[in-house]
Amino acid sequence: MSKSFEEQMGDLEKIVSELEKGDLNLDKSVEKFEEGIKISKECNKILEEAEKKITMLVKKDGEMKEENFETEE
């Protein structure tokens, strides 16, 4: 069973914290960095899928119309 977005973000935060401490040797740091990149890609995929699913129902001229959700940047 795959982890939820929130669980993966928690794992990523732990990795960042470990790397920031600077207590790891080079090999372990690279390993943690690679693990973090993998989790980051998985989280990005989850977000992309969620964005595709989000739609807004907009009432226009008495009819319900489905439109894609657009984020503000």
N, C-alpha and C. Protein backbone atom coordinates (compact mmCIF):
# COMPACT_ATOMS: atom_id res chain seq x y z
N MET A 1 0.85 -1.18 0.00
CA MET A 1 0.00 0.00 0.00
C MET A 1 0.89 1.24 0.00
N SER A 2 0.61 2.16 -0.89
CA SER A 2 1.43 3.35 -0.96
C SER A 2 1.01 4.35 0.12
N LYS A 3 1.98 5.16 0.50
CA LYS A 3 1.75 6.14 1.55
C LYS A 3 0.97 7.33 1.01
N SER A 4 0.27 7.99 1.92
CA SER A 4 -0.47 9.18 1.53
C SER A 4 0.51 10.33 1.27
N PHE A 5 -0.01 11.35 0.64
CA PHE A 5 0.79 12.54 0.37
C PHE A 5 1.36 13.10 1.67
N GLU A 6 0.52 13.17 2.69
CA GLU A 6 0.95 13.73 3.98
C GLU A 6 2.05 12.89 4.62
N GLU A 7 1.91 11.58 4.54
CA GLU A 7 2.95 10.70 5.09
C GLU A 7 4.27 10.86 4.35
N GLN A 8 4.18 10.97 3.03
CA GLN A 8 5.40 11.15 2.25
C GLN A 8 6.05 12.50 2.54
N MET A 9 5.24 13.53 2.72
CA MET A 9 5.80 14.85 3.06
C MET A 9 6.49 14.79 4.42
N GLY A 10 5.93 14.03 5.36
CA GLY A 10 6.56 13.85 6.66
C GLY A 10 7.90 13.16 6.52
N ASP A 11 7.96 12.12 5.67
CA ASP A 11 9.22 11.42 5.42
C ASP A 11 10.24 12.37 4.80
N LEU A 12 9.78 13.19 3.88
CA LEU A 12 10.68 14.14 3.23
C LEU A 12 11.22 15.16 4.22
N GLU A 13 10.37 15.62 5.12
CA GLU A 13 10.81 16.57 6.15
C GLU A 13 11.86 15.94 7.07
N LYS A 14 11.71 14.67 7.40
CA LYS A 14 12.69 13.97 8.23
C LYS A 14 14.04 13.89 7.52
N ILE A 15 13.99 13.59 6.22
CA ILE A 15 15.23 13.50 5.44
C ILE A 15 15.93 14.86 5.40
N VAL A 16 15.17 15.90 5.15
CA VAL A 16 15.75 17.25 5.11
C VAL A 16 16.38 17.59 6.44
N SER A 17 15.70 17.26 7.53
CA SER A 17 16.22 17.51 8.87
C SER A 17 17.53 16.77 9.10
N GLU A 18 17.59 15.50 8.69
CA GLU A 18 18.81 14.71 8.86
C GLU A 18 19.96 15.30 8.05
N LEU A 19 19.66 15.72 6.84
CA LEU A 19 20.71 16.29 5.99
C LEU A 19 21.19 17.64 6.54
N GLU A 20 20.27 18.42 7.09
CA GLU A 20 20.64 19.73 7.63
C GLU A 20 21.52 19.62 8.87
N LYS A 21 21.35 18.54 9.64
CA LYS A 21 22.16 18.35 10.85
C LYS A 21 23.64 18.20 10.50
N GLY A 22 23.91 17.58 9.36
CA GLY A 22 25.29 17.40 8.92
C GLY A 22 26.03 16.28 9.63
N ASP A 23 25.32 15.40 10.32
CA ASP A 23 25.94 14.29 11.05
C ASP A 23 26.21 13.06 10.18
N LEU A 24 25.66 13.02 8.99
CA LEU A 24 25.79 11.85 8.13
C LEU A 24 27.09 11.91 7.32
N ASN A 25 27.65 10.73 7.06
CA ASN A 25 28.82 10.71 6.18
C ASN A 25 28.36 10.94 4.74
N LEU A 26 29.30 11.10 3.83
CA LEU A 26 28.98 11.43 2.46
C LEU A 26 28.09 10.38 1.80
N ASP A 27 28.44 9.10 1.96
CA ASP A 27 27.64 8.04 1.34
C ASP A 27 26.20 8.05 1.84
N LYS A 28 26.03 8.20 3.15
CA LYS A 28 24.69 8.20 3.74
C LYS A 28 23.93 9.47 3.31
N SER A 29 24.64 10.60 3.19
CA SER A 29 24.01 11.83 2.74
C SER A 29 23.49 11.70 1.32
N VAL A 30 24.29 11.09 0.45
CA VAL A 30 23.88 10.89 -0.94
C VAL A 30 22.69 9.95 -0.99
N GLU A 31 22.72 8.91 -0.18
CA GLU A 31 21.61 7.95 -0.13
C GLU A 31 20.31 8.65 0.31
N LYS A 32 20.40 9.47 1.34
CA LYS A 32 19.22 10.20 1.84
C LYS A 32 18.73 11.20 0.79
N PHE A 33 19.68 11.86 0.11
CA PHE A 33 19.31 12.82 -0.93
C PHE A 33 18.56 12.11 -2.05
N GLU A 34 19.05 10.96 -2.49
CA GLU A 34 18.37 10.19 -3.54
C GLU A 34 16.98 9.75 -3.09
N GLU A 35 16.87 9.34 -1.85
CA GLU A 35 15.57 8.94 -1.30
C GLU A 35 14.62 10.14 -1.30
N GLY A 36 15.14 11.30 -0.93
CA GLY A 36 14.33 12.52 -0.92
C GLY A 36 13.84 12.90 -2.31
N ILE A 37 14.72 12.76 -3.30
CA ILE A 37 14.33 13.07 -4.68
C ILE A 37 13.21 12.13 -5.13
N LYS A 38 13.33 10.85 -4.78
CA LYS A 38 12.30 9.86 -5.15
C LYS A 38 10.96 10.24 -4.52
N ILE A 39 10.98 10.57 -3.23
CA ILE A 39 9.74 10.95 -2.53
C ILE A 39 9.17 12.23 -3.14
N SER A 40 10.03 13.18 -3.45
CA SER A 40 9.59 14.44 -4.05
C SER A 40 8.87 14.19 -5.38
N LYS A 41 9.42 13.31 -6.19
CA LYS A 41 8.79 12.98 -7.47
C LYS A 41 7.44 12.31 -7.26
N GLU A 42 7.35 11.43 -6.27
CA GLU A 42 6.08 10.76 -5.98
C GLU A 42 5.03 11.76 -5.52
N CYS A 43 5.45 12.71 -4.66
CA CYS A 43 4.53 13.74 -4.19
C CYS A 43 4.05 14.62 -5.34
N ASN A 44 4.96 14.96 -6.23
CA ASN A 44 4.60 15.77 -7.39
C ASN A 44 3.59 15.03 -8.26
N LYS A 45 3.78 13.74 -8.42
CA LYS A 45 2.84 12.93 -9.21
C LYS A 45 1.46 12.95 -8.57
N ILE A 46 1.41 12.80 -7.24
CA ILE A 46 0.13 12.82 -6.52
C ILE A 46 -0.56 14.17 -6.72
N LEU A 47 0.22 15.26 -6.62
CA LEU A 47 -0.36 16.59 -6.81
C LEU A 47 -0.88 16.79 -8.23
N GLU A 48 -0.14 16.31 -9.21
CA GLU A 48 -0.58 16.42 -10.60
C GLU A 48 -1.88 15.66 -10.82
N GLU A 49 -1.98 14.46 -10.25
CA GLU A 49 -3.20 13.67 -10.39
C GLU A 49 -4.38 14.36 -9.70
N ALA A 50 -4.13 14.92 -8.52
CA ALA A 50 -5.20 15.62 -7.80
C ALA A 50 -5.66 16.84 -8.60
N GLU A 51 -4.72 17.56 -9.19
CA GLU A 51 -5.07 18.74 -9.96
C GLU A 51 -5.95 18.37 -11.16
N LYS A 52 -5.67 17.21 -11.77
CA LYS A 52 -6.47 16.76 -12.91
C LYS A 52 -7.90 16.45 -12.49
N LYS A 53 -8.06 15.98 -11.25
CA LYS A 53 -9.38 15.57 -10.77
C LYS A 53 -10.23 16.74 -10.29
N ILE A 54 -9.57 17.84 -9.95
CA ILE A 54 -10.31 18.97 -9.38
C ILE A 54 -11.06 19.71 -10.48
N THR A 55 -12.31 19.83 -10.31
CA THR A 55 -13.12 20.60 -11.25
C THR A 55 -14.06 21.50 -10.47
N MET A 56 -14.47 22.53 -11.11
CA MET A 56 -15.42 23.44 -10.48
C MET A 56 -16.70 23.44 -11.30
N LEU A 57 -17.79 23.40 -10.60
CA LEU A 57 -19.09 23.51 -11.27
C LEU A 57 -19.48 24.98 -11.26
N VAL A 58 -19.70 25.50 -12.42
CA VAL A 58 -20.03 26.91 -12.55
C VAL A 58 -21.41 27.03 -13.19
N LYS A 59 -22.26 27.78 -12.54
CA LYS A 59 -23.60 27.96 -13.09
C LYS A 59 -23.55 29.12 -14.09
N LYS A 60 -23.86 28.81 -15.33
CA LYS A 60 -23.81 29.82 -16.38
C LYS A 60 -25.09 29.71 -17.21
N ASP A 61 -25.81 30.81 -17.30
CA ASP A 61 -27.05 30.87 -18.08
C ASP A 61 -28.02 29.77 -17.69
N GLY A 62 -28.11 29.47 -16.40
CA GLY A 62 -29.07 28.49 -15.91
C GLY A 62 -28.63 27.05 -16.10
N GLU A 63 -27.46 26.83 -16.67
CA GLU A 63 -26.95 25.47 -16.88
C GLU A 63 -25.69 25.27 -16.05
N MET A 64 -25.50 24.03 -15.61
CA MET A 64 -24.28 23.70 -14.87
C MET A 64 -23.20 23.37 -15.88
N LYS A 65 -22.07 23.99 -15.71
CA LYS A 65 -20.97 23.76 -16.62
C LYS A 65 -19.74 23.36 -15.82
N GLU A 66 -19.06 22.32 -16.26
CA GLU A 66 -17.86 21.86 -15.58
C GLU A 66 -16.65 22.51 -16.22
N GLU A 67 -15.82 23.11 -15.37
CA GLU A 67 -14.59 23.74 -15.85
C GLU A 67 -13.41 23.22 -15.07
N ASN A 68 -12.24 23.26 -15.66
CA ASN A 68 -11.03 22.86 -14.95
C ASN A 68 -10.72 23.88 -13.87
N PHE A 69 -10.19 23.39 -12.78
CA PHE A 69 -9.77 24.23 -11.67
C PHE A 69 -8.43 24.86 -12.02
N GLU A 70 -8.32 26.16 -11.86
CA GLU A 70 -7.06 26.84 -12.13
C GLU A 70 -6.54 27.45 -10.85
N THR A 71 -5.26 27.21 -10.59
CA THR A 71 -4.63 27.74 -9.38
C THR A 71 -4.12 29.14 -9.66
N GLU A 72 -4.11 29.96 -8.62
CA GLU A 72 -3.56 31.31 -8.73
C GLU A 72 -2.08 31.25 -8.44
N GLU A 73 -1.32 31.93 -9.25
CA GLU A 73 0.14 31.96 -9.04
C GLU A 73 0.59 33.36 -8.82
